Amino acid sequence: EKNISAESIWLQPNGEQLQKIADLMAAGKVKSIIGEVFPFSRQGIYDAHALSETHHAVGKIVVQMAE
């Protein structure tokens, strides 16, 4: 109906690929869906990992290092 397609890929750590993704995101051509944001603390890491282990997280799980 809206002619939308999506796909998922896994990348190996590679600076060139990560820069290309960053450029696409900065240009607004690709966006990441953030599901939950946790603080960088013992409890925040615990909660982020617990959510990840459920395999029911919608969007990316973010651990925020600083404001």
PDB file of N, CA and C in Angstrom:
ATOM      1  N   GLU A   1       0.813  -1.182   0.000  1.00  0.00           N
ATOM      2  CA  GLU A   1       0.000   0.000   0.000  1.00  0.00           C
ATOM      3  C   GLU A   1       0.868   1.260   0.000  1.00  0.00           C
ATOM      4  N   LYS A   2       1.898   1.290   0.825  1.00  0.00           N
ATOM      5  CA  LYS A   2       2.757   2.470   0.895  1.00  0.00           C
ATOM      6  C   LYS A   2       4.091   2.246   0.212  1.00  0.00           C
ATOM      7  N   ASN A   3       4.261   1.084  -0.405  1.00  0.00           N
ATOM      8  CA  ASN A   3       5.480   0.776  -1.147  1.00  0.00           C
ATOM      9  C   ASN A   3       6.735   0.964  -0.288  1.00  0.00           C
ATOM     10  N   ILE A   4       6.720   0.359   0.901  1.00  0.00           N
ATOM     11  CA  ILE A   4       7.837   0.447   1.834  1.00  0.00           C
ATOM     12  C   ILE A   4       8.517  -0.907   1.913  1.00  0.00           C
ATOM     13  N   SER A   5       9.839  -0.898   1.893  1.00  0.00           N
ATOM     14  CA  SER A   5      10.578  -2.147   2.088  1.00  0.00           C
ATOM     15  C   SER A   5      11.615  -1.926   3.178  1.00  0.00           C
ATOM     16  N   ALA A   6      11.977  -2.996   3.851  1.00  0.00           N
ATOM     17  CA  ALA A   6      12.974  -2.921   4.919  1.00  0.00           C
ATOM     18  C   ALA A   6      13.756  -4.213   4.947  1.00  0.00           C
ATOM     19  N   GLU A   7      14.962  -4.131   5.443  1.00  0.00           N
ATOM     20  CA  GLU A   7      15.763  -5.331   5.619  1.00  0.00           C
ATOM     21  C   GLU A   7      16.704  -5.118   6.786  1.00  0.00           C
ATOM     22  N   SER A   8      17.211  -6.190   7.305  1.00  0.00           N
ATOM     23  CA  SER A   8      18.123  -6.149   8.434  1.00  0.00           C
ATOM     24  C   SER A   8      19.434  -6.799   8.025  1.00  0.00           C
ATOM     25  N   ILE A   9      20.539  -6.195   8.447  1.00  0.00           N
ATOM     26  CA  ILE A   9      21.843  -6.774   8.148  1.00  0.00           C
ATOM     27  C   ILE A   9      22.700  -6.729   9.410  1.00  0.00           C
ATOM     28  N   TRP A  10      23.671  -7.623   9.491  1.00  0.00           N
ATOM     29  CA  TRP A  10      24.646  -7.620  10.577  1.00  0.00           C
ATOM     30  C   TRP A  10      25.972  -7.181   9.994  1.00  0.00           C
ATOM     31  N   LEU A  11      26.644  -6.281  10.670  1.00  0.00           N
ATOM     32  CA  LEU A  11      27.931  -5.779  10.205  1.00  0.00           C
ATOM     33  C   LEU A  11      29.043  -6.246  11.132  1.00  0.00           C
ATOM     34  N   GLN A  12      30.182  -6.511  10.548  1.00  0.00           N
ATOM     35  CA  GLN A  12      31.387  -6.709  11.340  1.00  0.00           C
ATOM     36  C   GLN A  12      31.921  -5.318  11.666  1.00  0.00           C
ATOM     37  N   PRO A  13      32.564  -5.155  12.827  1.00  0.00           N
ATOM     38  CA  PRO A  13      33.121  -3.837  13.133  1.00  0.00           C
ATOM     39  C   PRO A  13      34.050  -3.370  12.011  1.00  0.00           C
ATOM     40  N   ASN A  14      33.697  -2.272  11.401  1.00  0.00           N
ATOM     41  CA  ASN A  14      34.452  -1.767  10.269  1.00  0.00           C
ATOM     42  C   ASN A  14      34.229  -0.258  10.218  1.00  0.00           C
ATOM     43  N   GLY A  15      35.291   0.502  10.419  1.00  0.00           N
ATOM     44  CA  GLY A  15      35.166   1.956  10.469  1.00  0.00           C
ATOM     45  C   GLY A  15      34.555   2.563   9.225  1.00  0.00           C
ATOM     46  N   GLU A  16      34.908   2.033   8.058  1.00  0.00           N
ATOM     47  CA  GLU A  16      34.378   2.575   6.808  1.00  0.00           C
ATOM     48  C   GLU A  16      32.868   2.359   6.721  1.00  0.00           C
ATOM     49  N   GLN A  17      32.409   1.157   7.059  1.00  0.00           N
ATOM     50  CA  GLN A  17      30.973   0.871   7.021  1.00  0.00           C
ATOM     51  C   GLN A  17      30.223   1.713   8.047  1.00  0.00           C
ATOM     52  N   LEU A  18      30.784   1.826   9.251  1.00  0.00           N
ATOM     53  CA  LEU A  18      30.127   2.616  10.283  1.00  0.00           C
ATOM     54  C   LEU A  18      30.033   4.084   9.874  1.00  0.00           C
ATOM     55  N   GLN A  19      31.048   4.596   9.206  1.00  0.00           N
ATOM     56  CA  GLN A  19      31.009   5.982   8.735  1.00  0.00           C
ATOM     57  C   GLN A  19      29.931   6.163   7.676  1.00  0.00           C
ATOM     58  N   LYS A  20      29.784   5.187   6.778  1.00  0.00           N
ATOM     59  CA  LYS A  20      28.735   5.270   5.754  1.00  0.00           C
ATOM     60  C   LYS A  20      27.356   5.295   6.399  1.00  0.00           C
ATOM     61  N   ILE A  21      27.160   4.453   7.418  1.00  0.00           N
ATOM     62  CA  ILE A  21      25.873   4.440   8.116  1.00  0.00           C
ATOM     63  C   ILE A  21      25.651   5.776   8.820  1.00  0.00           C
ATOM     64  N   ALA A  22      26.680   6.296   9.475  1.00  0.00           N
ATOM     65  CA  ALA A  22      26.562   7.593  10.151  1.00  0.00           C
ATOM     66  C   ALA A  22      26.195   8.687   9.158  1.00  0.00           C
ATOM     67  N   ASP A  23      26.803   8.660   7.982  1.00  0.00           N
ATOM     68  CA  ASP A  23      26.490   9.654   6.949  1.00  0.00           C
ATOM     69  C   ASP A  23      25.043   9.531   6.479  1.00  0.00           C
ATOM     70  N   LEU A  24      24.575   8.297   6.286  1.00  0.00           N
ATOM     71  CA  LEU A  24      23.184   8.083   5.872  1.00  0.00           C
ATOM     72  C   LEU A  24      22.218   8.566   6.946  1.00  0.00           C
ATOM     73  N   MET A  25      22.555   8.312   8.210  1.00  0.00           N
ATOM     74  CA  MET A  25      21.699   8.774   9.304  1.00  0.00           C
ATOM     75  C   MET A  25      21.687  10.295   9.368  1.00  0.00           C
ATOM     76  N   ALA A  26      22.853  10.919   9.221  1.00  0.00           N
ATOM     77  CA  ALA A  26      22.935  12.383   9.261  1.00  0.00           C
ATOM     78  C   ALA A  26      22.151  13.014   8.117  1.00  0.00           C
ATOM     79  N   ALA A  27      22.096  12.328   6.980  1.00  0.00           N
ATOM     80  CA  ALA A  27      21.362  12.832   5.818  1.00  0.00           C
ATOM     81  C   ALA A  27      19.866  12.539   5.912  1.00  0.00           C
ATOM     82  N   GLY A  28      19.457  11.810   6.951  1.00  0.00           N
ATOM     83  CA  GLY A  28      18.046  11.487   7.123  1.00  0.00           C
ATOM     84  C   GLY A  28      17.556  10.366   6.232  1.00  0.00           C
ATOM     85  N   LYS A  29      18.467   9.619   5.617  1.00  0.00           N
ATOM     86  CA  LYS A  29      18.081   8.525   4.726  1.00  0.00           C
ATOM     87  C   LYS A  29      17.861   7.221   5.479  1.00  0.00           C
ATOM     88  N   VAL A  30      18.448   7.120   6.656  1.00  0.00           N
ATOM     89  CA  VAL A  30      18.306   5.933   7.503  1.00  0.00           C
ATOM     90  C   VAL A  30      18.071   6.428   8.920  1.00  0.00           C
ATOM     91  N   LYS A  31      17.179   5.777   9.646  1.00  0.00           N
ATOM     92  CA  LYS A  31      17.008   6.153  11.039  1.00  0.00           C
ATOM     93  C   LYS A  31      16.938   4.904  11.898  1.00  0.00           C
ATOM     94  N   SER A  32      17.357   5.062  13.119  1.00  0.00           N
ATOM     95  CA  SER A  32      17.345   3.970  14.079  1.00  0.00           C
ATOM     96  C   SER A  32      16.180   4.197  15.035  1.00  0.00           C
ATOM     97  N   ILE A  33      15.443   3.163  15.302  1.00  0.00           N
ATOM     98  CA  ILE A  33      14.319   3.257  16.226  1.00  0.00           C
ATOM     99  C   ILE A  33      14.829   2.940  17.628  1.00  0.00           C
ATOM    100  N   ILE A  34      14.726   3.902  18.535  1.00  0.00           N
ATOM    101  CA  ILE A  34      15.171   3.703  19.912  1.00  0.00           C
ATOM    102  C   ILE A  34      13.978   3.267  20.740  1.00  0.00           C
ATOM    103  N   GLY A  35      14.106   2.104  21.355  1.00  0.00           N
ATOM    104  CA  GLY A  35      13.022   1.564  22.163  1.00  0.00           C
ATOM    105  C   GLY A  35      13.112   1.985  23.621  1.00  0.00           C
ATOM    106  N   GLU A  36      14.264   1.795  24.223  1.00  0.00           N
ATOM    107  CA  GLU A  36      14.462   2.097  25.643  1.00  0.00           C
ATOM    108  C   GLU A  36      15.832   2.730  25.836  1.00  0.00           C
ATOM    109  N   VAL A  37      15.919   3.654  26.789  1.00  0.00           N
ATOM    110  CA  VAL A  37      17.187   4.286  27.152  1.00  0.00           C
ATOM    111  C   VAL A  37      17.425   4.039  28.637  1.00  0.00           C
ATOM    112  N   PHE A  38      18.610   3.527  28.955  1.00  0.00           N
ATOM    113  CA  PHE A  38      18.977   3.234  30.336  1.00  0.00           C
ATOM    114  C   PHE A  38      20.203   4.050  30.717  1.00  0.00           C
ATOM    115  N   PRO A  39      20.321   4.415  32.000  1.00  0.00           N
ATOM    116  CA  PRO A  39      21.514   5.154  32.435  1.00  0.00           C
ATOM    117  C   PRO A  39      22.719   4.218  32.535  1.00  0.00           C
ATOM    118  N   PHE A  40      23.907   4.794  32.407  1.00  0.00           N
ATOM    119  CA  PHE A  40      25.140   4.031  32.556  1.00  0.00           C
ATOM    120  C   PHE A  40      25.427   3.895  34.049  1.00  0.00           C
ATOM    121  N   SER A  41      24.787   2.910  34.640  1.00  0.00           N
ATOM    122  CA  SER A  41      24.956   2.606  36.063  1.00  0.00           C
ATOM    123  C   SER A  41      24.824   1.099  36.210  1.00  0.00           C
ATOM    124  N   ARG A  42      25.165   0.604  37.383  1.00  0.00           N
ATOM    125  CA  ARG A  42      25.045  -0.842  37.609  1.00  0.00           C
ATOM    126  C   ARG A  42      23.609  -1.305  37.339  1.00  0.00           C
ATOM    127  N   GLN A  43      22.637  -0.598  37.884  1.00  0.00           N
ATOM    128  CA  GLN A  43      21.237  -0.985  37.694  1.00  0.00           C
ATOM    129  C   GLN A  43      20.797  -0.789  36.250  1.00  0.00           C
ATOM    130  N   GLY A  44      21.248   0.297  35.624  1.00  0.00           N
ATOM    131  CA  GLY A  44      20.886   0.546  34.232  1.00  0.00           C
ATOM    132  C   GLY A  44      21.386  -0.550  33.306  1.00  0.00           C
ATOM    133  N   ILE A  45      22.632  -0.977  33.499  1.00  0.00           N
ATOM    134  CA  ILE A  45      23.192  -2.059  32.683  1.00  0.00           C
ATOM    135  C   ILE A  45      22.429  -3.349  32.939  1.00  0.00           C
ATOM    136  N   TYR A  46      22.131  -3.622  34.201  1.00  0.00           N
ATOM    137  CA  TYR A  46      21.368  -4.822  34.552  1.00  0.00           C
ATOM    138  C   TYR A  46      20.008  -4.805  33.852  1.00  0.00           C
ATOM    139  N   ASP A  47      19.310  -3.677  33.932  1.00  0.00           N
ATOM    140  CA  ASP A  47      17.977  -3.575  33.329  1.00  0.00           C
ATOM    141  C   ASP A  47      18.030  -3.678  31.804  1.00  0.00           C
ATOM    142  N   ALA A  48      19.032  -3.052  31.188  1.00  0.00           N
ATOM    143  CA  ALA A  48      19.178  -3.125  29.729  1.00  0.00           C
ATOM    144  C   ALA A  48      19.422  -4.565  29.295  1.00  0.00           C
ATOM    145  N   HIS A  49      20.287  -5.257  30.018  1.00  0.00           N
ATOM    146  CA  HIS A  49      20.588  -6.651  29.673  1.00  0.00           C
ATOM    147  C   HIS A  49      19.363  -7.533  29.888  1.00  0.00           C
ATOM    148  N   ALA A  50      18.641  -7.302  30.971  1.00  0.00           N
ATOM    149  CA  ALA A  50      17.432  -8.089  31.240  1.00  0.00           C
ATOM    150  C   ALA A  50      16.415  -7.905  30.113  1.00  0.00           C
ATOM    151  N   LEU A  51      16.237  -6.682  29.640  1.00  0.00           N
ATOM    152  CA  LEU A  51      15.316  -6.435  28.529  1.00  0.00           C
ATOM    153  C   LEU A  51      15.797  -7.145  27.274  1.00  0.00           C
ATOM    154  N   SER A  52      17.086  -7.075  26.999  1.00  0.00           N
ATOM    155  CA  SER A  52      17.646  -7.741  25.817  1.00  0.00           C
ATOM    156  C   SER A  52      17.393  -9.243  25.865  1.00  0.00           C
ATOM    157  N   GLU A  53      17.538  -9.825  27.036  1.00  0.00           N
ATOM    158  CA  GLU A  53      17.360 -11.271  27.196  1.00  0.00           C
ATOM    159  C   GLU A  53      15.920 -11.720  26.957  1.00  0.00           C
ATOM    160  N   THR A  54      14.947 -10.811  27.058  1.00  0.00           N
ATOM    161  CA  THR A  54      13.554 -11.196  26.818  1.00  0.00           C
ATOM    162  C   THR A  54      13.277 -11.443  25.343  1.00  0.00           C
ATOM    163  N   HIS A  55      14.121 -10.897  24.467  1.00  0.00           N
ATOM    164  CA  HIS A  55      13.925 -10.971  23.012  1.00  0.00           C
ATOM    165  C   HIS A  55      12.604 -10.337  22.584  1.00  0.00           C
ATOM    166  N   HIS A  56      12.073  -9.439  23.408  1.00  0.00           N
ATOM    167  CA  HIS A  56      10.829  -8.745  23.081  1.00  0.00           C
ATOM    168  C   HIS A  56      11.017  -7.232  23.002  1.00  0.00           C
ATOM    169  N   ALA A  57      12.245  -6.780  23.020  1.00  0.00           N
ATOM    170  CA  ALA A  57      12.495  -5.338  22.931  1.00  0.00           C
ATOM    171  C   ALA A  57      12.106  -4.847  21.537  1.00  0.00           C
ATOM    172  N   VAL A  58      11.435  -3.726  21.502  1.00  0.00           N
ATOM    173  CA  VAL A  58      11.081  -3.092  20.235  1.00  0.00           C
ATOM    174  C   VAL A  58      12.001  -1.894  20.073  1.00  0.00           C
ATOM    175  N   GLY A  59      12.788  -1.876  19.026  1.00  0.00           N
ATOM    176  CA  GLY A  59      13.754  -0.808  18.819  1.00  0.00           C
ATOM    177  C   GLY A  59      15.075  -1.118  19.507  1.00  0.00           C
ATOM    178  N   LYS A  60      15.982  -0.174  19.419  1.00  0.00           N
ATOM    179  CA  LYS A  60      17.320  -0.339  19.988  1.00  0.00           C
ATOM    180  C   LYS A  60      17.307  -0.087  21.485  1.00  0.00           C
ATOM    181  N   ILE A  61      18.126  -0.833  22.192  1.00  0.00           N
ATOM    182  CA  ILE A  61      18.335  -0.623  23.617  1.00  0.00           C
ATOM    183  C   ILE A  61      19.576   0.250  23.745  1.00  0.00           C
ATOM    184  N   VAL A  62      19.417   1.414  24.354  1.00  0.00           N
ATOM    185  CA  VAL A  62      20.504   2.387  24.450  1.00  0.00           C
ATOM    186  C   VAL A  62      20.935   2.531  25.904  1.00  0.00           C
ATOM    187  N   VAL A  63      22.248   2.508  26.129  1.00  0.00           N
ATOM    188  CA  VAL A  63      22.808   2.842  27.434  1.00  0.00           C
ATOM    189  C   VAL A  63      23.437   4.220  27.276  1.00  0.00           C
ATOM    190  N   GLN A  64      22.862   5.196  27.960  1.00  0.00           N
ATOM    191  CA  GLN A  64      23.304   6.585  27.816  1.00  0.00           C
ATOM    192  C   GLN A  64      24.493   6.842  28.732  1.00  0.00           C
ATOM    193  N   MET A  65      25.615   7.210  28.121  1.00  0.00           N
ATOM    194  CA  MET A  65      26.853   7.427  28.864  1.00  0.00           C
ATOM    195  C   MET A  65      26.856   8.769  29.590  1.00  0.00           C
ATOM    196  N   ALA A  66      26.293   9.803  28.987  1.00  0.00           N
ATOM    197  CA  ALA A  66      26.276  11.140  29.588  1.00  0.00           C
ATOM    198  C   ALA A  66      25.137  11.930  28.973  1.00  0.00           C
ATOM    199  N   GLU A  67      24.757  13.001  29.648  1.00  0.00           N
ATOM    200  CA  GLU A  67      23.690  13.871  29.131  1.00  0.00           C
ATOM    201  C   GLU A  67      24.159  14.612  27.911  1.00  0.00           C
TER     202      GLU A  67
END
